[in-house]
């Protein structure tokens, strides 16, 4: 699946003056090079989400290293900057995956507040889940690719407005 909602999400973030981190699956950037570059040029962080979206805990250390390094090279070629953070697919991580990632200069990041948008629970439910789960310092997980993300596009402006009303700030690691 391709990230057809990515440009819509990026426009919402620009209108709302919010920077975000976009975790890209390396193999899914082909045909989307201009989108990746534009997102990076607009000040959003581009980060590593593996090459094929495999459960990396099932792979050898060498296979994990090849996967993450290949994604780093691809993203660096597109943006001019090597990623510094990595989100493992499915949140599946173990000591080996963390060590390999660290050896490549990647900090492993796991979310705190899952919007469950990937299950298509409805716009209002996505907003409700995020608002219920968010805490100071939380990392909110939302998806722009991997399926129909119209509900995410619907929920994002409301989430931003609600979080701002609670005095939250939006940050990336940049």
N, C-alpha and C. Protein backbone atom coordinates (compact mmCIF):
# COMPACT_ATOMS: atom_id res chain seq x y z
N UNK A 1 0.85 -1.19 0.00
CA UNK A 1 0.00 0.00 0.00
C UNK A 1 0.88 1.23 0.00
N UNK A 2 0.40 2.26 -0.62
CA UNK A 2 1.16 3.50 -0.70
C UNK A 2 0.51 4.56 0.18
N UNK A 3 1.31 5.51 0.62
CA UNK A 3 0.81 6.53 1.57
C UNK A 3 0.05 7.66 0.89
N UNK A 4 -1.12 7.38 0.35
CA UNK A 4 -1.88 8.40 -0.38
C UNK A 4 -2.38 9.53 0.52
N UNK A 5 -2.49 9.29 1.79
CA UNK A 5 -2.95 10.33 2.71
C UNK A 5 -1.81 11.22 3.19
N UNK A 6 -0.59 10.83 2.92
CA UNK A 6 0.57 11.58 3.41
C UNK A 6 0.52 13.06 3.02
N UNK A 7 0.28 13.41 1.76
CA UNK A 7 0.24 14.84 1.42
C UNK A 7 -0.86 15.60 2.16
N UNK A 8 -2.02 14.95 2.36
CA UNK A 8 -3.11 15.61 3.11
C UNK A 8 -2.70 15.84 4.55
N UNK A 9 -2.08 14.85 5.16
CA UNK A 9 -1.63 14.98 6.55
C UNK A 9 -0.57 16.06 6.66
N UNK A 10 0.34 16.07 5.71
CA UNK A 10 1.40 17.09 5.73
C UNK A 10 0.81 18.49 5.61
N UNK A 11 -0.21 18.66 4.78
CA UNK A 11 -0.85 19.99 4.63
C UNK A 11 -1.54 20.40 5.94
N UNK A 12 -2.18 19.46 6.62
CA UNK A 12 -2.81 19.78 7.91
C UNK A 12 -1.74 20.24 8.89
N UNK A 13 -0.64 19.51 8.96
CA UNK A 13 0.44 19.86 9.88
C UNK A 13 1.00 21.25 9.55
N UNK A 14 1.15 21.56 8.26
CA UNK A 14 1.65 22.88 7.87
C UNK A 14 0.68 23.97 8.28
N UNK A 15 -0.61 23.77 8.01
CA UNK A 15 -1.62 24.78 8.38
C UNK A 15 -1.66 25.01 9.88
N UNK A 16 -1.44 23.95 10.64
CA UNK A 16 -1.52 24.04 12.10
C UNK A 16 -0.16 24.36 12.73
N UNK A 17 0.88 24.52 11.90
CA UNK A 17 2.23 24.83 12.37
C UNK A 17 2.75 23.77 13.35
N UNK A 18 2.59 22.52 12.95
CA UNK A 18 3.04 21.38 13.77
C UNK A 18 4.08 20.60 12.97
N UNK A 19 5.20 20.34 13.61
CA UNK A 19 6.20 19.45 13.00
C UNK A 19 5.98 18.05 13.56
N UNK A 20 6.19 17.06 12.71
CA UNK A 20 5.99 15.67 13.10
C UNK A 20 7.15 14.82 12.59
N UNK A 21 7.20 13.60 13.06
CA UNK A 21 8.17 12.63 12.57
C UNK A 21 7.44 11.63 11.70
N UNK A 22 7.94 11.44 10.50
CA UNK A 22 7.38 10.46 9.56
C UNK A 22 8.35 9.29 9.49
N UNK A 23 7.89 8.12 9.93
CA UNK A 23 8.69 6.90 9.89
C UNK A 23 8.39 6.20 8.57
N UNK A 24 9.40 6.10 7.72
CA UNK A 24 9.22 5.54 6.38
C UNK A 24 9.74 4.12 6.28
N UNK A 25 8.96 3.26 5.65
CA UNK A 25 9.40 1.93 5.25
C UNK A 25 10.16 2.13 3.94
N UNK A 26 11.45 1.77 3.94
CA UNK A 26 12.32 2.07 2.81
C UNK A 26 11.79 1.59 1.47
N UNK A 27 11.29 0.36 1.41
CA UNK A 27 10.81 -0.20 0.15
C UNK A 27 9.56 0.50 -0.36
N UNK A 28 8.89 1.25 0.50
CA UNK A 28 7.66 1.92 0.10
C UNK A 28 7.88 3.39 -0.28
N UNK A 29 9.14 3.79 -0.41
CA UNK A 29 9.43 5.17 -0.80
C UNK A 29 9.50 5.32 -2.31
N UNK A 30 9.60 4.21 -3.03
CA UNK A 30 9.71 4.28 -4.49
C UNK A 30 8.40 4.79 -5.08
N UNK A 31 8.51 5.81 -5.93
CA UNK A 31 7.33 6.46 -6.47
C UNK A 31 6.85 7.61 -5.59
N UNK A 32 7.41 7.72 -4.40
CA UNK A 32 7.02 8.76 -3.44
C UNK A 32 8.20 9.65 -3.07
N UNK A 33 9.24 9.65 -3.91
CA UNK A 33 10.45 10.42 -3.61
C UNK A 33 10.16 11.89 -3.39
N UNK A 34 9.32 12.49 -4.25
CA UNK A 34 9.01 13.92 -4.12
C UNK A 34 8.29 14.20 -2.80
N UNK A 35 7.44 13.29 -2.39
CA UNK A 35 6.70 13.47 -1.14
C UNK A 35 7.66 13.40 0.05
N UNK A 36 8.55 12.41 0.04
CA UNK A 36 9.53 12.29 1.13
C UNK A 36 10.38 13.56 1.21
N UNK A 37 10.86 14.02 0.06
CA UNK A 37 11.70 15.23 0.04
C UNK A 37 10.93 16.46 0.53
N UNK A 38 9.69 16.60 0.06
CA UNK A 38 8.88 17.76 0.46
C UNK A 38 8.63 17.77 1.96
N UNK A 39 8.31 16.62 2.51
CA UNK A 39 8.07 16.53 3.96
C UNK A 39 9.32 16.91 4.72
N UNK A 40 10.46 16.42 4.26
CA UNK A 40 11.73 16.77 4.90
C UNK A 40 12.01 18.27 4.76
N UNK A 41 11.82 18.80 3.55
CA UNK A 41 12.08 20.22 3.30
C UNK A 41 11.18 21.13 4.12
N UNK A 42 9.98 20.65 4.48
CA UNK A 42 9.05 21.45 5.28
C UNK A 42 9.39 21.41 6.78
N UNK A 43 10.46 20.69 7.14
CA UNK A 43 10.91 20.69 8.53
C UNK A 43 10.46 19.51 9.36
N UNK A 44 9.79 18.54 8.73
CA UNK A 44 9.40 17.33 9.45
C UNK A 44 10.58 16.38 9.50
N UNK A 45 10.60 15.55 10.51
CA UNK A 45 11.68 14.58 10.66
C UNK A 45 11.35 13.33 9.85
N UNK A 46 12.35 12.83 9.15
CA UNK A 46 12.22 11.59 8.39
C UNK A 46 13.00 10.53 9.15
N UNK A 47 12.33 9.43 9.48
CA UNK A 47 12.94 8.41 10.33
C UNK A 47 12.77 7.02 9.72
N UNK A 48 13.51 6.07 10.26
CA UNK A 48 13.62 4.70 9.76
C UNK A 48 12.52 3.83 10.37
N UNK A 49 11.79 3.12 9.49
CA UNK A 49 10.76 2.17 9.93
C UNK A 49 10.98 0.81 9.27
N UNK A 50 12.24 0.51 8.95
CA UNK A 50 12.70 -0.75 8.35
C UNK A 50 12.51 -0.72 6.84
N UNK A 51 12.99 -1.76 6.19
CA UNK A 51 12.90 -1.83 4.73
C UNK A 51 11.59 -2.43 4.25
N UNK A 52 11.17 -3.57 4.85
CA UNK A 52 9.96 -4.27 4.39
C UNK A 52 8.85 -4.34 5.43
N UNK A 53 9.03 -3.72 6.60
CA UNK A 53 8.05 -3.78 7.68
C UNK A 53 7.93 -5.21 8.25
N UNK A 54 9.06 -5.90 8.34
CA UNK A 54 9.11 -7.23 8.95
C UNK A 54 9.23 -7.11 10.47
N UNK A 55 8.86 -8.16 11.16
CA UNK A 55 9.12 -8.27 12.60
C UNK A 55 10.61 -8.55 12.74
N UNK A 56 11.37 -7.55 13.10
CA UNK A 56 12.84 -7.65 13.14
C UNK A 56 13.34 -8.59 14.23
N UNK A 57 12.49 -8.88 15.22
CA UNK A 57 12.93 -9.79 16.29
C UNK A 57 13.06 -11.22 15.79
N UNK A 58 12.55 -11.50 14.61
CA UNK A 58 12.63 -12.86 14.05
C UNK A 58 13.83 -13.03 13.13
N UNK A 59 14.61 -11.96 12.93
CA UNK A 59 15.73 -11.98 12.01
C UNK A 59 17.06 -12.06 12.75
N UNK A 60 18.10 -12.51 12.03
CA UNK A 60 19.45 -12.51 12.59
C UNK A 60 19.94 -11.08 12.73
N UNK A 61 20.96 -10.89 13.55
CA UNK A 61 21.54 -9.55 13.72
C UNK A 61 22.02 -8.99 12.39
N UNK A 62 22.65 -9.84 11.56
CA UNK A 62 23.12 -9.38 10.24
C UNK A 62 21.96 -8.94 9.36
N UNK A 63 20.86 -9.69 9.39
CA UNK A 63 19.69 -9.33 8.58
C UNK A 63 19.08 -8.01 9.06
N UNK A 64 19.01 -7.82 10.36
CA UNK A 64 18.49 -6.56 10.91
C UNK A 64 19.39 -5.41 10.48
N UNK A 65 20.70 -5.61 10.59
CA UNK A 65 21.67 -4.58 10.21
C UNK A 65 21.51 -4.19 8.74
N UNK A 66 21.39 -5.19 7.87
CA UNK A 66 21.23 -4.92 6.44
C UNK A 66 19.93 -4.14 6.19
N UNK A 67 18.86 -4.56 6.84
CA UNK A 67 17.55 -3.93 6.67
C UNK A 67 17.60 -2.46 7.08
N UNK A 68 18.08 -2.19 8.28
CA UNK A 68 18.10 -0.82 8.77
C UNK A 68 19.09 0.05 8.01
N UNK A 69 20.25 -0.51 7.67
CA UNK A 69 21.26 0.25 6.92
C UNK A 69 20.74 0.60 5.53
N UNK A 70 20.06 -0.33 4.89
CA UNK A 70 19.50 -0.08 3.56
C UNK A 70 18.47 1.05 3.63
N UNK A 71 17.64 1.02 4.64
CA UNK A 71 16.64 2.08 4.80
C UNK A 71 17.33 3.42 5.08
N UNK A 72 18.33 3.41 5.94
CA UNK A 72 19.08 4.65 6.21
C UNK A 72 19.66 5.23 4.92
N UNK A 73 20.28 4.38 4.11
CA UNK A 73 20.89 4.85 2.85
C UNK A 73 19.83 5.45 1.94
N UNK A 74 18.70 4.78 1.81
CA UNK A 74 17.63 5.27 0.93
C UNK A 74 17.11 6.62 1.40
N UNK A 75 16.83 6.74 2.69
CA UNK A 75 16.29 7.99 3.21
C UNK A 75 17.32 9.11 3.14
N UNK A 76 18.58 8.80 3.40
CA UNK A 76 19.64 9.81 3.29
C UNK A 76 19.80 10.27 1.84
N UNK A 77 19.67 9.34 0.89
CA UNK A 77 19.74 9.70 -0.53
C UNK A 77 18.61 10.67 -0.89
N UNK A 78 17.44 10.45 -0.32
CA UNK A 78 16.28 11.29 -0.65
C UNK A 78 16.30 12.65 0.04
N UNK A 79 16.79 12.69 1.27
CA UNK A 79 16.68 13.92 2.07
C UNK A 79 18.00 14.64 2.31
N UNK A 80 19.11 13.93 2.10
CA UNK A 80 20.41 14.52 2.40
C UNK A 80 20.82 14.37 3.86
N UNK A 81 19.97 13.73 4.65
CA UNK A 81 20.27 13.52 6.07
C UNK A 81 20.01 12.08 6.45
N UNK A 82 20.94 11.51 7.21
CA UNK A 82 20.77 10.14 7.69
C UNK A 82 19.82 10.14 8.88
N UNK A 83 18.86 9.24 8.89
CA UNK A 83 17.95 9.17 10.03
C UNK A 83 18.71 8.90 11.34
N UNK A 84 18.16 9.40 12.43
CA UNK A 84 18.77 9.18 13.74
C UNK A 84 17.85 8.40 14.67
N UNK A 85 16.61 8.20 14.25
CA UNK A 85 15.69 7.41 15.08
C UNK A 85 15.02 6.33 14.24
N UNK A 86 14.54 5.32 14.92
CA UNK A 86 13.99 4.14 14.29
C UNK A 86 12.80 3.66 15.12
N UNK A 87 11.71 3.33 14.42
CA UNK A 87 10.55 2.71 15.09
C UNK A 87 10.37 1.33 14.52
N UNK A 88 10.50 0.30 15.36
CA UNK A 88 10.37 -1.07 14.85
C UNK A 88 8.93 -1.37 14.46
N UNK A 89 8.74 -2.05 13.33
CA UNK A 89 7.40 -2.45 12.95
C UNK A 89 6.71 -3.23 14.07
N UNK A 90 5.46 -2.93 14.30
CA UNK A 90 4.63 -3.59 15.32
C UNK A 90 5.10 -3.29 16.75
N UNK A 91 6.12 -2.44 16.90
CA UNK A 91 6.70 -2.22 18.21
C UNK A 91 7.48 -3.42 18.69
N UNK A 92 7.76 -4.36 17.78
CA UNK A 92 8.48 -5.59 18.13
C UNK A 92 9.96 -5.29 18.24
N UNK A 93 10.46 -5.35 19.46
CA UNK A 93 11.86 -5.01 19.71
C UNK A 93 12.41 -5.92 20.79
N UNK A 94 13.68 -6.23 20.67
CA UNK A 94 14.39 -6.97 21.71
C UNK A 94 15.79 -6.38 21.82
N UNK A 95 16.60 -6.95 22.69
CA UNK A 95 17.94 -6.43 22.91
C UNK A 95 18.78 -6.41 21.64
N UNK A 96 18.67 -7.47 20.86
CA UNK A 96 19.46 -7.53 19.62
C UNK A 96 19.07 -6.41 18.66
N UNK A 97 17.78 -6.18 18.47
CA UNK A 97 17.33 -5.13 17.56
C UNK A 97 17.80 -3.77 18.06
N UNK A 98 17.69 -3.53 19.36
CA UNK A 98 18.15 -2.25 19.93
C UNK A 98 19.66 -2.07 19.74
N UNK A 99 20.43 -3.14 19.98
CA UNK A 99 21.89 -3.05 19.83
C UNK A 99 22.29 -2.78 18.38
N UNK A 100 21.66 -3.49 17.45
CA UNK A 100 21.98 -3.27 16.04
C UNK A 100 21.61 -1.84 15.63
N UNK A 101 20.44 -1.40 16.03
CA UNK A 101 20.01 -0.03 15.71
C UNK A 101 21.00 0.98 16.28
N UNK A 102 21.37 0.81 17.54
CA UNK A 102 22.31 1.72 18.18
C UNK A 102 23.65 1.72 17.45
N UNK A 103 24.09 0.55 17.00
CA UNK A 103 25.34 0.45 16.25
C UNK A 103 25.30 1.22 14.94
N UNK A 104 24.12 1.45 14.43
CA UNK A 104 23.94 2.24 13.21
C UNK A 104 23.62 3.71 13.51
N UNK A 105 23.72 4.07 14.78
CA UNK A 105 23.45 5.44 15.18
C UNK A 105 21.97 5.77 15.29
N UNK A 106 21.14 4.74 15.45
CA UNK A 106 19.69 4.94 15.55
C UNK A 106 19.20 4.73 16.97
N UNK A 107 18.43 5.67 17.45
CA UNK A 107 17.77 5.50 18.74
C UNK A 107 16.41 4.86 18.48
N UNK A 108 16.10 3.81 19.20
CA UNK A 108 14.83 3.11 19.03
C UNK A 108 13.73 3.85 19.79
N UNK A 109 12.63 4.11 19.10
CA UNK A 109 11.53 4.88 19.66
C UNK A 109 10.26 4.02 19.62
N UNK A 110 9.58 3.95 20.74
CA UNK A 110 8.30 3.26 20.84
C UNK A 110 7.26 4.30 21.29
N UNK A 111 6.05 4.16 20.84
CA UNK A 111 4.99 5.10 21.16
C UNK A 111 4.43 4.85 22.55
N UNK A 112 3.76 5.88 23.06
CA UNK A 112 3.05 5.81 24.35
C UNK A 112 1.54 5.81 24.16
N UNK A 113 1.08 6.51 23.12
CA UNK A 113 -0.35 6.70 22.90
C UNK A 113 -0.71 6.22 21.49
N UNK A 114 -1.22 5.01 21.40
CA UNK A 114 -1.60 4.44 20.11
C UNK A 114 -3.01 4.91 19.76
N UNK A 115 -3.15 5.56 18.62
CA UNK A 115 -4.45 6.05 18.16
C UNK A 115 -5.32 4.91 17.63
N UNK A 116 -4.72 3.75 17.40
CA UNK A 116 -5.41 2.61 16.79
C UNK A 116 -6.06 2.97 15.45
N UNK A 117 -5.54 4.03 14.80
CA UNK A 117 -6.10 4.44 13.52
C UNK A 117 -5.98 3.36 12.46
N UNK A 118 -5.00 2.49 12.60
CA UNK A 118 -4.80 1.41 11.64
C UNK A 118 -5.96 0.41 11.65
N UNK A 119 -6.79 0.42 12.70
CA UNK A 119 -7.95 -0.47 12.77
C UNK A 119 -9.22 0.18 12.20
N UNK A 120 -9.10 1.44 11.76
CA UNK A 120 -10.24 2.20 11.23
C UNK A 120 -11.43 2.21 12.20
N UNK A 121 -11.20 2.71 13.44
CA UNK A 121 -12.30 2.71 14.43
C UNK A 121 -13.27 3.87 14.28
N UNK A 122 -12.97 4.80 13.37
CA UNK A 122 -13.81 5.99 13.19
C UNK A 122 -13.08 7.23 13.66
N UNK A 123 -13.37 8.34 13.04
CA UNK A 123 -12.71 9.61 13.35
C UNK A 123 -12.84 9.98 14.83
N UNK A 124 -14.05 9.95 15.34
CA UNK A 124 -14.28 10.35 16.73
C UNK A 124 -13.57 9.43 17.71
N UNK A 125 -13.52 8.14 17.40
CA UNK A 125 -12.85 7.19 18.29
C UNK A 125 -11.34 7.42 18.29
N UNK A 126 -10.76 7.76 17.15
CA UNK A 126 -9.33 8.07 17.10
C UNK A 126 -9.04 9.26 18.01
N UNK A 127 -9.85 10.30 17.88
CA UNK A 127 -9.67 11.49 18.74
C UNK A 127 -9.79 11.09 20.21
N UNK A 128 -10.81 10.36 20.54
CA UNK A 128 -11.05 9.95 21.94
C UNK A 128 -9.89 9.13 22.48
N UNK A 129 -9.40 8.17 21.70
CA UNK A 129 -8.30 7.30 22.16
C UNK A 129 -7.04 8.11 22.42
N UNK A 130 -6.70 9.00 21.51
CA UNK A 130 -5.49 9.80 21.71
C UNK A 130 -5.64 10.67 22.94
N UNK A 131 -6.75 11.36 23.06
CA UNK A 131 -6.93 12.26 24.19
C UNK A 131 -6.94 11.51 25.52
N UNK A 132 -7.45 10.31 25.53
CA UNK A 132 -7.46 9.52 26.76
C UNK A 132 -6.06 9.00 27.12
N UNK A 133 -5.24 8.73 26.11
CA UNK A 133 -3.95 8.07 26.35
C UNK A 133 -2.77 9.03 26.45
N UNK A 134 -2.91 10.23 25.97
CA UNK A 134 -1.77 11.13 25.94
C UNK A 134 -1.44 11.64 27.34
N UNK A 135 -0.15 11.76 27.59
CA UNK A 135 0.40 12.30 28.84
C UNK A 135 1.56 13.20 28.47
N UNK A 136 2.03 14.06 29.37
CA UNK A 136 3.20 14.87 29.06
C UNK A 136 4.38 13.98 28.62
N UNK A 137 5.00 14.35 27.51
CA UNK A 137 6.13 13.61 26.98
C UNK A 137 5.74 12.43 26.09
N UNK A 138 4.46 12.22 25.89
CA UNK A 138 4.00 11.05 25.12
C UNK A 138 4.36 11.16 23.65
N UNK A 139 4.53 10.01 23.05
CA UNK A 139 4.69 9.87 21.61
C UNK A 139 3.38 9.27 21.10
N UNK A 140 2.71 10.01 20.23
CA UNK A 140 1.43 9.58 19.68
C UNK A 140 1.69 8.86 18.36
N UNK A 141 1.13 7.66 18.23
CA UNK A 141 1.28 6.86 17.01
C UNK A 141 0.05 7.04 16.13
N UNK A 142 0.31 7.57 14.92
CA UNK A 142 -0.72 7.68 13.90
C UNK A 142 -0.09 7.22 12.59
N UNK A 143 -0.93 6.83 11.64
CA UNK A 143 -0.44 6.27 10.38
C UNK A 143 -0.90 7.12 9.20
N UNK A 144 0.00 7.26 8.22
CA UNK A 144 -0.37 7.96 6.98
C UNK A 144 -0.44 6.98 5.82
N UNK A 145 0.13 5.80 5.95
CA UNK A 145 0.14 4.81 4.89
C UNK A 145 -0.40 3.48 5.38
N UNK A 146 -0.29 2.48 4.51
CA UNK A 146 -0.69 1.14 4.88
C UNK A 146 -2.18 0.87 4.80
N UNK A 147 -2.91 1.74 4.14
CA UNK A 147 -4.36 1.53 4.02
C UNK A 147 -5.10 2.84 3.89
N UNK A 148 -6.38 2.78 4.01
CA UNK A 148 -7.24 3.95 3.92
C UNK A 148 -7.10 4.75 5.21
N UNK A 149 -6.61 5.96 5.10
CA UNK A 149 -6.35 6.79 6.28
C UNK A 149 -7.24 8.04 6.33
N UNK A 150 -8.42 7.96 5.69
CA UNK A 150 -9.34 9.10 5.75
C UNK A 150 -9.74 9.43 7.17
N UNK A 151 -9.87 8.42 8.03
CA UNK A 151 -10.25 8.68 9.42
C UNK A 151 -9.13 9.42 10.16
N UNK A 152 -7.89 9.08 9.85
CA UNK A 152 -6.75 9.78 10.45
C UNK A 152 -6.74 11.23 10.00
N UNK A 153 -6.96 11.46 8.71
CA UNK A 153 -7.01 12.82 8.17
C UNK A 153 -8.12 13.61 8.86
N UNK A 154 -9.25 12.99 9.11
CA UNK A 154 -10.37 13.63 9.81
C UNK A 154 -10.00 13.96 11.26
N UNK A 155 -9.35 13.03 11.94
CA UNK A 155 -9.07 13.17 13.37
C UNK A 155 -7.93 14.14 13.68
N UNK A 156 -6.95 14.23 12.79
CA UNK A 156 -5.73 14.99 13.11
C UNK A 156 -5.98 16.45 13.50
N UNK A 157 -6.75 17.23 12.75
CA UNK A 157 -6.95 18.62 13.18
C UNK A 157 -7.63 18.73 14.54
N UNK A 158 -8.54 17.83 14.83
CA UNK A 158 -9.24 17.85 16.13
C UNK A 158 -8.28 17.50 17.26
N UNK A 159 -7.42 16.52 17.01
CA UNK A 159 -6.43 16.14 18.03
C UNK A 159 -5.49 17.30 18.31
N UNK A 160 -5.01 17.95 17.27
CA UNK A 160 -4.12 19.10 17.45
C UNK A 160 -4.82 20.19 18.25
N UNK A 161 -6.04 20.52 17.88
CA UNK A 161 -6.80 21.56 18.59
C UNK A 161 -7.01 21.18 20.06
N UNK A 162 -7.41 19.93 20.31
CA UNK A 162 -7.64 19.49 21.69
C UNK A 162 -6.37 19.48 22.52
N UNK A 163 -5.27 19.02 21.93
CA UNK A 163 -4.01 19.01 22.68
C UNK A 163 -3.52 20.42 22.97
N UNK A 164 -3.67 21.31 22.02
CA UNK A 164 -3.28 22.71 22.27
C UNK A 164 -4.13 23.32 23.37
N UNK A 165 -5.41 22.97 23.40
CA UNK A 165 -6.27 23.52 24.45
C UNK A 165 -5.84 23.04 25.83
N UNK A 166 -5.14 21.92 25.88
CA UNK A 166 -4.57 21.40 27.13
C UNK A 166 -3.12 21.85 27.32
N UNK A 167 -2.66 22.76 26.49
CA UNK A 167 -1.33 23.38 26.59
C UNK A 167 -0.19 22.42 26.22
N UNK A 168 -0.47 21.43 25.40
CA UNK A 168 0.60 20.56 24.90
C UNK A 168 1.33 21.27 23.77
N UNK A 169 2.62 20.96 23.66
CA UNK A 169 3.45 21.42 22.56
C UNK A 169 3.81 20.22 21.71
N UNK A 170 4.08 20.44 20.44
CA UNK A 170 4.42 19.36 19.52
C UNK A 170 5.90 19.47 19.20
N UNK A 171 6.63 18.37 19.40
CA UNK A 171 8.07 18.38 19.16
C UNK A 171 8.48 17.11 18.42
N UNK A 172 9.64 17.20 17.78
CA UNK A 172 10.30 16.02 17.21
C UNK A 172 11.67 15.96 17.86
N UNK A 173 12.48 15.01 17.45
CA UNK A 173 13.83 14.95 18.02
C UNK A 173 14.78 15.92 17.33
N UNK A 174 14.33 16.57 16.25
CA UNK A 174 15.19 17.53 15.53
C UNK A 174 15.43 18.77 16.35
